[in-house]
C-alpha atoms as a PDB file:
ATOM      1  CA  UNK A   1     -35.292 -50.176  24.400  1.00  0.00           C
ATOM      2  CA  UNK A   2     -36.656 -53.627  23.531  1.00  0.00           C
ATOM      3  CA  UNK A   3     -35.301 -56.602  25.485  1.00  0.00           C
ATOM      4  CA  UNK A   4     -36.073 -60.205  24.567  1.00  0.00           C
ATOM      5  CA  UNK A   5     -35.514 -62.909  27.191  1.00  0.00           C
ATOM      6  CA  UNK A   6     -35.265 -66.496  25.962  1.00  0.00           C
ATOM      7  CA  UNK A   7     -35.335 -69.772  27.897  1.00  0.00           C
ATOM      8  CA  UNK A   8     -36.742 -73.198  26.968  1.00  0.00           C
ATOM      9  CA  UNK A   9     -40.413 -73.185  27.945  1.00  0.00           C
ATOM     10  CA  UNK A  10     -41.078 -69.484  28.620  1.00  0.00           C
ATOM     11  CA  UNK A  11     -42.600 -70.434  31.968  1.00  0.00           C
ATOM     12  CA  UNK A  12     -40.044 -69.474  34.651  1.00  0.00           C
ATOM     13  CA  UNK A  13     -36.874 -67.577  33.732  1.00  0.00           C
ATOM     14  CA  UNK A  14     -37.820 -65.550  30.653  1.00  0.00           C
ATOM     15  CA  UNK A  15     -41.244 -64.493  32.030  1.00  0.00           C
ATOM     16  CA  UNK A  16     -39.407 -63.300  35.152  1.00  0.00           C
ATOM     17  CA  UNK A  17     -37.095 -61.224  32.958  1.00  0.00           C
ATOM     18  CA  UNK A  18     -40.103 -59.840  31.107  1.00  0.00           C
ATOM     19  CA  UNK A  19     -41.937 -58.910  34.311  1.00  0.00           C
ATOM     20  CA  UNK A  20     -38.917 -57.368  36.051  1.00  0.00           C
ATOM     21  CA  UNK A  21     -37.602 -55.272  33.165  1.00  0.00           C
ATOM     22  CA  UNK A  22     -41.012 -54.177  31.849  1.00  0.00           C
ATOM     23  CA  UNK A  23     -41.219 -52.012  34.971  1.00  0.00           C
ATOM     24  CA  UNK A  24     -38.118 -50.039  33.942  1.00  0.00           C
ATOM     25  CA  UNK A  25     -38.797 -46.679  32.329  1.00  0.00           C
ATOM     26  CA  UNK A  26     -38.192 -46.729  28.584  1.00  0.00           C
ATOM     27  CA  UNK A  27     -37.900 -50.531  28.459  1.00  0.00           C
ATOM     28  CA  UNK A  28     -40.163 -53.004  26.707  1.00  0.00           C
ATOM     29  CA  UNK A  29     -39.476 -56.630  27.592  1.00  0.00           C
ATOM     30  CA  UNK A  30     -40.852 -59.887  26.223  1.00  0.00           C
ATOM     31  CA  UNK A  31     -40.108 -63.462  27.206  1.00  0.00           C
ATOM     32  CA  UNK A  32     -40.045 -66.373  24.764  1.00  0.00           C
ATOM     33  CA  UNK A  33     -38.935 -70.002  24.649  1.00  0.00           C
ATOM     34  CA  UNK A  34     -36.979 -72.146  22.217  1.00  0.00           C
ATOM     35  CA  UNK A  35     -39.201 -75.221  22.579  1.00  0.00           C
ATOM     36  CA  UNK A  36     -42.178 -75.764  20.289  1.00  0.00           C
ATOM     37  CA  UNK A  37     -44.492 -76.045  23.318  1.00  0.00           C
ATOM     38  CA  UNK A  38     -43.272 -72.802  24.938  1.00  0.00           C
ATOM     39  CA  UNK A  39     -45.890 -70.334  26.179  1.00  0.00           C
ATOM     40  CA  UNK A  40     -44.546 -67.899  23.542  1.00  0.00           C
ATOM     41  CA  UNK A  41     -42.135 -69.368  21.006  1.00  0.00           C
ATOM     42  CA  UNK A  42     -39.209 -67.241  19.885  1.00  0.00           C
ATOM     43  CA  UNK A  43     -39.866 -66.006  16.337  1.00  0.00           C
ATOM     44  CA  UNK A  44     -38.258 -63.912  13.644  1.00  0.00           C
ATOM     45  CA  UNK A  45     -40.642 -61.070  14.479  1.00  0.00           C
ATOM     46  CA  UNK A  46     -39.454 -61.049  18.097  1.00  0.00           C
ATOM     47  CA  UNK A  47     -35.785 -61.150  17.044  1.00  0.00           C
ATOM     48  CA  UNK A  48     -36.366 -58.210  14.675  1.00  0.00           C
ATOM     49  CA  UNK A  49     -38.224 -56.303  17.420  1.00  0.00           C
ATOM     50  CA  UNK A  50     -35.489 -56.770  20.036  1.00  0.00           C
ATOM     51  CA  UNK A  51     -32.556 -54.424  20.538  1.00  0.00           C
ATOM     52  CA  UNK A  52     -30.876 -57.007  22.765  1.00  0.00           C
ATOM     53  CA  UNK A  53     -31.593 -60.755  22.964  1.00  0.00           C
ATOM     54  CA  UNK A  54     -30.788 -62.366  26.319  1.00  0.00           C
ATOM     55  CA  UNK A  55     -30.673 -66.156  26.441  1.00  0.00           C
ATOM     56  CA  UNK A  56     -30.441 -68.068  29.698  1.00  0.00           C
ATOM     57  CA  UNK A  57     -28.101 -70.898  28.612  1.00  0.00           C
ATOM     58  CA  UNK A  58     -25.591 -71.735  25.869  1.00  0.00           C
ATOM     59  CA  UNK A  59     -28.048 -74.237  24.356  1.00  0.00           C
ATOM     60  CA  UNK A  60     -30.555 -71.398  23.858  1.00  0.00           C
ATOM     61  CA  UNK A  61     -27.844 -69.231  22.263  1.00  0.00           C
ATOM     62  CA  UNK A  62     -26.990 -72.055  19.867  1.00  0.00           C
ATOM     63  CA  UNK A  63     -30.621 -72.634  18.862  1.00  0.00           C
ATOM     64  CA  UNK A  64     -31.372 -68.931  18.409  1.00  0.00           C
ATOM     65  CA  UNK A  65     -28.104 -68.302  16.507  1.00  0.00           C
ATOM     66  CA  UNK A  66     -28.699 -71.201  14.155  1.00  0.00           C
ATOM     67  CA  UNK A  67     -32.360 -70.478  13.449  1.00  0.00           C
ATOM     68  CA  UNK A  68     -32.154 -66.661  13.208  1.00  0.00           C
ATOM     69  CA  UNK A  69     -28.593 -66.114  11.951  1.00  0.00           C
ATOM     70  CA  UNK A  70     -29.515 -63.468   9.364  1.00  0.00           C
ATOM     71  CA  UNK A  71     -31.890 -61.554  11.655  1.00  0.00           C
ATOM     72  CA  UNK A  72     -29.267 -61.371  14.421  1.00  0.00           C
ATOM     73  CA  UNK A  73     -26.749 -59.439  12.309  1.00  0.00           C
ATOM     74  CA  UNK A  74     -25.985 -56.185  14.102  1.00  0.00           C
ATOM     75  CA  UNK A  75     -27.841 -57.271  17.246  1.00  0.00           C
ATOM     76  CA  UNK A  76     -26.468 -58.077  20.658  1.00  0.00           C
ATOM     77  CA  UNK A  77     -27.039 -61.725  21.662  1.00  0.00           C
ATOM     78  CA  UNK A  78     -26.047 -62.311  25.293  1.00  0.00           C
ATOM     79  CA  UNK A  79     -25.912 -65.587  27.216  1.00  0.00           C
ATOM     80  CA  UNK A  80     -26.673 -64.925  30.894  1.00  0.00           C
ATOM     81  CA  UNK A  81     -25.648 -68.434  32.060  1.00  0.00           C
ATOM     82  CA  UNK A  82     -28.630 -68.809  34.382  1.00  0.00           C
ATOM     83  CA  UNK A  83     -29.547 -72.487  34.891  1.00  0.00           C
ATOM     84  CA  UNK A  84     -33.102 -73.765  35.157  1.00  0.00           C
ATOM     85  CA  UNK A  85     -32.995 -73.931  38.967  1.00  0.00           C
ATOM     86  CA  UNK A  86     -35.438 -71.172  39.869  1.00  0.00           C
ATOM     87  CA  UNK A  87     -39.159 -70.647  40.206  1.00  0.00           C
ATOM     88  CA  UNK A  88     -40.859 -67.764  38.469  1.00  0.00           C
ATOM     89  CA  UNK A  89     -40.130 -64.484  40.284  1.00  0.00           C
ATOM     90  CA  UNK A  90     -37.705 -66.199  42.689  1.00  0.00           C
ATOM     91  CA  UNK A  91     -35.871 -63.353  44.497  1.00  0.00           C
ATOM     92  CA  UNK A  92     -32.491 -64.977  43.737  1.00  0.00           C
ATOM     93  CA  UNK A  93     -33.394 -65.206  40.030  1.00  0.00           C
ATOM     94  CA  UNK A  94     -34.481 -61.551  40.019  1.00  0.00           C
ATOM     95  CA  UNK A  95     -31.165 -60.492  41.592  1.00  0.00           C
ATOM     96  CA  UNK A  96     -29.193 -62.577  39.080  1.00  0.00           C
ATOM     97  CA  UNK A  97     -31.110 -61.115  36.146  1.00  0.00           C
ATOM     98  CA  UNK A  98     -30.687 -57.522  37.341  1.00  0.00           C
ATOM     99  CA  UNK A  99     -26.955 -57.945  37.960  1.00  0.00           C
ATOM    100  CA  UNK A 100     -26.202 -59.769  34.701  1.00  0.00           C
ATOM    101  CA  UNK A 101     -28.396 -57.632  32.424  1.00  0.00           C
ATOM    102  CA  UNK A 102     -26.957 -54.402  33.870  1.00  0.00           C
ATOM    103  CA  UNK A 103     -23.522 -55.422  32.546  1.00  0.00           C
ATOM    104  CA  UNK A 104     -24.865 -55.230  28.971  1.00  0.00           C
ATOM    105  CA  UNK A 105     -27.544 -52.531  29.002  1.00  0.00           C
ATOM    106  CA  UNK A 106     -27.565 -48.987  30.316  1.00  0.00           C
ATOM    107  CA  UNK A 107     -30.768 -47.949  32.002  1.00  0.00           C
ATOM    108  CA  UNK A 108     -31.870 -44.364  32.558  1.00  0.00           C
END
């Protein structure tokens, strides 16, 4: 299963999602950002690759939906509603991600 995590800069929240869920058996995870200066910018290739796209905030959902409308057909786009209040790998952020993602994806 391929999971794409999207935030603004791809420096804190989405890289945490990538690191946490990449350790799950049968899961590939990548983080990306909506901003042009993101570490990895969300692209059509990443949207096509992903089985599920998780965005951190409604603004990310709006940007991704608008830019990749056609590529998102038939895909699950989920807003996790996680604000930009956490450092990378913050234990509270990790707990939030695990709890919220588990509501949308079944892991082995």
